Amino acid sequence: MKKVETEQEDMRPEYDFSQMKGGVRGKYSERYREGTNLVLLDPDVAAAFPDAKAVNDALRQLLEEKQSPQQR
């Protein structure tokens, strides 16, 4: 089968952004430049935590224990 070449426009005519309300250009650009710190948990670990707050609380507790002087 041959591929039929078609002219490709920048935008389709049905995309009319002039009617959009409240759009802000570059709203998240600063956050994007800062980067992200996304960590994917293994399914068994994720199942142990109901939400992101629980994960953060557990990690903070682990950090506190690591920084406190160890008793022998």
N, C-alpha and C. Protein backbone atom coordinates (compact mmCIF):
# COMPACT_ATOMS: atom_id res chain seq x y z
N MET A 1 0.83 -1.18 0.00
CA MET A 1 0.00 0.00 0.00
C MET A 1 0.87 1.24 0.00
N LYS A 2 0.45 2.22 -0.75
CA LYS A 2 1.17 3.49 -0.79
C LYS A 2 0.61 4.43 0.25
N LYS A 3 1.48 5.19 0.87
CA LYS A 3 1.03 6.23 1.78
C LYS A 3 0.67 7.45 0.95
N VAL A 4 -0.47 8.01 1.27
CA VAL A 4 -0.90 9.22 0.57
C VAL A 4 -0.40 10.42 1.36
N GLU A 5 0.36 11.26 0.69
CA GLU A 5 0.87 12.45 1.36
C GLU A 5 -0.20 13.53 1.34
N THR A 6 -0.40 14.14 2.48
CA THR A 6 -1.37 15.23 2.57
C THR A 6 -0.68 16.46 3.10
N GLU A 7 -1.24 17.59 2.79
CA GLU A 7 -0.70 18.83 3.34
C GLU A 7 -1.09 18.89 4.81
N GLN A 8 -0.14 19.24 5.64
CA GLN A 8 -0.41 19.30 7.06
C GLN A 8 -0.37 20.75 7.52
N GLU A 9 -1.44 21.19 8.14
CA GLU A 9 -1.52 22.55 8.65
C GLU A 9 -1.02 22.57 10.09
N ASP A 10 -0.75 23.76 10.59
CA ASP A 10 -0.31 23.89 11.97
C ASP A 10 -1.41 23.49 12.94
N MET A 11 -2.62 23.98 12.72
CA MET A 11 -3.74 23.69 13.60
C MET A 11 -4.98 23.42 12.75
N ARG A 12 -5.80 22.56 13.25
CA ARG A 12 -7.06 22.31 12.58
C ARG A 12 -8.00 23.49 12.80
N PRO A 13 -8.87 23.76 11.88
CA PRO A 13 -9.76 24.92 12.03
C PRO A 13 -10.71 24.81 13.22
N GLU A 14 -11.03 23.59 13.67
CA GLU A 14 -11.98 23.45 14.77
C GLU A 14 -11.37 23.83 16.13
N TYR A 15 -10.06 24.02 16.21
CA TYR A 15 -9.43 24.45 17.45
C TYR A 15 -9.41 25.97 17.48
N ASP A 16 -10.37 26.55 18.18
CA ASP A 16 -10.47 28.00 18.27
C ASP A 16 -10.15 28.43 19.70
N PHE A 17 -8.91 28.79 19.95
CA PHE A 17 -8.48 29.13 21.29
C PHE A 17 -8.86 30.56 21.68
N SER A 18 -9.37 31.34 20.75
CA SER A 18 -9.76 32.71 21.07
C SER A 18 -10.97 32.74 21.99
N GLN A 19 -11.72 31.64 22.05
CA GLN A 19 -12.91 31.60 22.90
C GLN A 19 -12.63 31.02 24.28
N MET A 20 -11.41 30.63 24.54
CA MET A 20 -11.06 30.09 25.85
C MET A 20 -11.00 31.22 26.87
N LYS A 21 -11.50 30.96 28.05
CA LYS A 21 -11.48 31.95 29.12
C LYS A 21 -10.50 31.49 30.20
N GLY A 22 -9.72 32.41 30.72
CA GLY A 22 -8.88 32.13 31.87
C GLY A 22 -7.56 31.44 31.57
N GLY A 23 -7.23 31.23 30.34
CA GLY A 23 -5.96 30.60 30.02
C GLY A 23 -4.80 31.54 30.31
N VAL A 24 -3.75 31.02 30.92
CA VAL A 24 -2.57 31.82 31.24
C VAL A 24 -1.37 31.15 30.61
N ARG A 25 -0.69 31.88 29.76
CA ARG A 25 0.47 31.31 29.10
C ARG A 25 1.63 31.19 30.08
N GLY A 26 2.24 30.03 30.12
CA GLY A 26 3.41 29.80 30.95
C GLY A 26 3.10 29.68 32.43
N LYS A 27 1.88 29.33 32.77
CA LYS A 27 1.46 29.26 34.17
C LYS A 27 2.34 28.32 35.00
N TYR A 28 2.75 27.22 34.44
CA TYR A 28 3.53 26.23 35.16
C TYR A 28 4.98 26.15 34.68
N SER A 29 5.43 27.12 33.93
CA SER A 29 6.77 27.04 33.35
C SER A 29 7.87 27.06 34.42
N GLU A 30 7.65 27.83 35.49
CA GLU A 30 8.67 27.89 36.55
C GLU A 30 8.80 26.54 37.25
N ARG A 31 7.67 25.91 37.55
CA ARG A 31 7.70 24.58 38.18
C ARG A 31 8.38 23.58 37.25
N TYR A 32 8.12 23.70 35.96
CA TYR A 32 8.72 22.78 35.00
C TYR A 32 10.24 22.93 34.99
N ARG A 33 10.70 24.17 35.04
CA ARG A 33 12.15 24.41 35.03
C ARG A 33 12.82 23.87 36.29
N GLU A 34 12.10 23.91 37.40
CA GLU A 34 12.66 23.40 38.65
C GLU A 34 12.84 21.89 38.61
N GLY A 35 12.09 21.23 37.78
CA GLY A 35 12.18 19.79 37.68
C GLY A 35 11.17 19.11 38.59
N THR A 36 11.23 17.85 38.63
CA THR A 36 10.30 17.09 39.44
C THR A 36 11.06 16.01 40.18
N ASN A 37 10.46 15.56 41.25
CA ASN A 37 11.08 14.50 42.03
C ASN A 37 10.05 13.39 42.17
N LEU A 38 9.76 12.76 41.08
CA LEU A 38 8.76 11.71 41.03
C LEU A 38 9.40 10.37 41.35
N VAL A 39 8.82 9.66 42.30
CA VAL A 39 9.33 8.35 42.69
C VAL A 39 8.20 7.35 42.56
N LEU A 40 8.45 6.29 41.83
CA LEU A 40 7.45 5.25 41.67
C LEU A 40 7.71 4.15 42.69
N LEU A 41 6.66 3.84 43.44
CA LEU A 41 6.78 2.79 44.44
C LEU A 41 6.42 1.44 43.84
N ASP A 42 7.05 0.41 44.32
CA ASP A 42 6.66 -0.94 43.91
C ASP A 42 5.25 -1.20 44.43
N PRO A 43 4.49 -2.02 43.74
CA PRO A 43 3.09 -2.24 44.13
C PRO A 43 2.92 -2.71 45.57
N ASP A 44 3.81 -3.58 46.06
CA ASP A 44 3.67 -4.06 47.44
C ASP A 44 3.90 -2.95 48.46
N VAL A 45 4.82 -2.03 48.14
CA VAL A 45 5.07 -0.91 49.04
C VAL A 45 3.91 0.08 48.98
N ALA A 46 3.44 0.38 47.79
CA ALA A 46 2.33 1.32 47.62
C ALA A 46 1.08 0.83 48.33
N ALA A 47 0.88 -0.48 48.38
CA ALA A 47 -0.31 -1.04 49.03
C ALA A 47 -0.30 -0.79 50.54
N ALA A 48 0.87 -0.55 51.10
CA ALA A 48 0.98 -0.32 52.55
C ALA A 48 0.60 1.09 52.96
N PHE A 49 0.48 2.01 51.99
CA PHE A 49 0.20 3.41 52.30
C PHE A 49 -1.08 3.85 51.61
N PRO A 50 -1.99 4.46 52.37
CA PRO A 50 -3.27 4.88 51.77
C PRO A 50 -3.15 6.12 50.88
N ASP A 51 -2.16 6.99 51.15
CA ASP A 51 -2.04 8.21 50.35
C ASP A 51 -0.62 8.78 50.46
N ALA A 52 -0.38 9.87 49.75
CA ALA A 52 0.95 10.48 49.72
C ALA A 52 1.37 10.99 51.09
N LYS A 53 0.42 11.50 51.87
CA LYS A 53 0.75 12.01 53.20
C LYS A 53 1.33 10.90 54.08
N ALA A 54 0.76 9.71 54.00
CA ALA A 54 1.25 8.59 54.79
C ALA A 54 2.68 8.22 54.39
N VAL A 55 2.97 8.27 53.12
CA VAL A 55 4.33 7.98 52.65
C VAL A 55 5.29 9.03 53.17
N ASN A 56 4.92 10.30 53.04
CA ASN A 56 5.78 11.38 53.52
C ASN A 56 6.01 11.30 55.02
N ASP A 57 4.95 11.01 55.79
CA ASP A 57 5.10 10.89 57.24
C ASP A 57 6.06 9.75 57.60
N ALA A 58 5.93 8.63 56.93
CA ALA A 58 6.82 7.49 57.21
C ALA A 58 8.27 7.82 56.87
N LEU A 59 8.48 8.50 55.76
CA LEU A 59 9.85 8.87 55.37
C LEU A 59 10.44 9.89 56.33
N ARG A 60 9.62 10.84 56.78
CA ARG A 60 10.12 11.83 57.75
C ARG A 60 10.50 11.15 59.06
N GLN A 61 9.70 10.20 59.49
CA GLN A 61 10.01 9.46 60.71
C GLN A 61 11.32 8.69 60.56
N LEU A 62 11.51 8.08 59.41
CA LEU A 62 12.75 7.35 59.15
C LEU A 62 13.95 8.29 59.18
N LEU A 63 13.81 9.48 58.60
CA LEU A 63 14.90 10.46 58.62
C LEU A 63 15.21 10.92 60.04
N GLU A 64 14.18 11.14 60.85
CA GLU A 64 14.40 11.55 62.24
C GLU A 64 15.15 10.48 63.02
N GLU A 65 14.77 9.23 62.81
CA GLU A 65 15.44 8.12 63.50
C GLU A 65 16.90 8.00 63.06
N LYS A 66 17.13 8.26 61.81
CA LYS A 66 18.49 8.16 61.27
C LYS A 66 19.38 9.28 61.84
N GLN A 67 18.80 10.46 62.07
CA GLN A 67 19.58 11.60 62.53
C GLN A 67 19.77 11.63 64.04
N SER A 68 18.91 10.94 64.78
CA SER A 68 19.04 10.95 66.24
C SER A 68 20.20 10.06 66.66
N PRO A 69 20.86 10.40 67.77
CA PRO A 69 21.99 9.57 68.22
C PRO A 69 21.50 8.17 68.60
N GLN A 70 22.26 7.18 68.20
CA GLN A 70 21.88 5.81 68.47
C GLN A 70 22.29 5.43 69.89
N GLN A 71 21.37 4.78 70.57
CA GLN A 71 21.66 4.34 71.93
C GLN A 71 22.09 2.87 71.89
N ARG A 72 23.10 2.52 72.68
CA ARG A 72 23.59 1.14 72.70
C ARG A 72 23.41 0.54 74.04
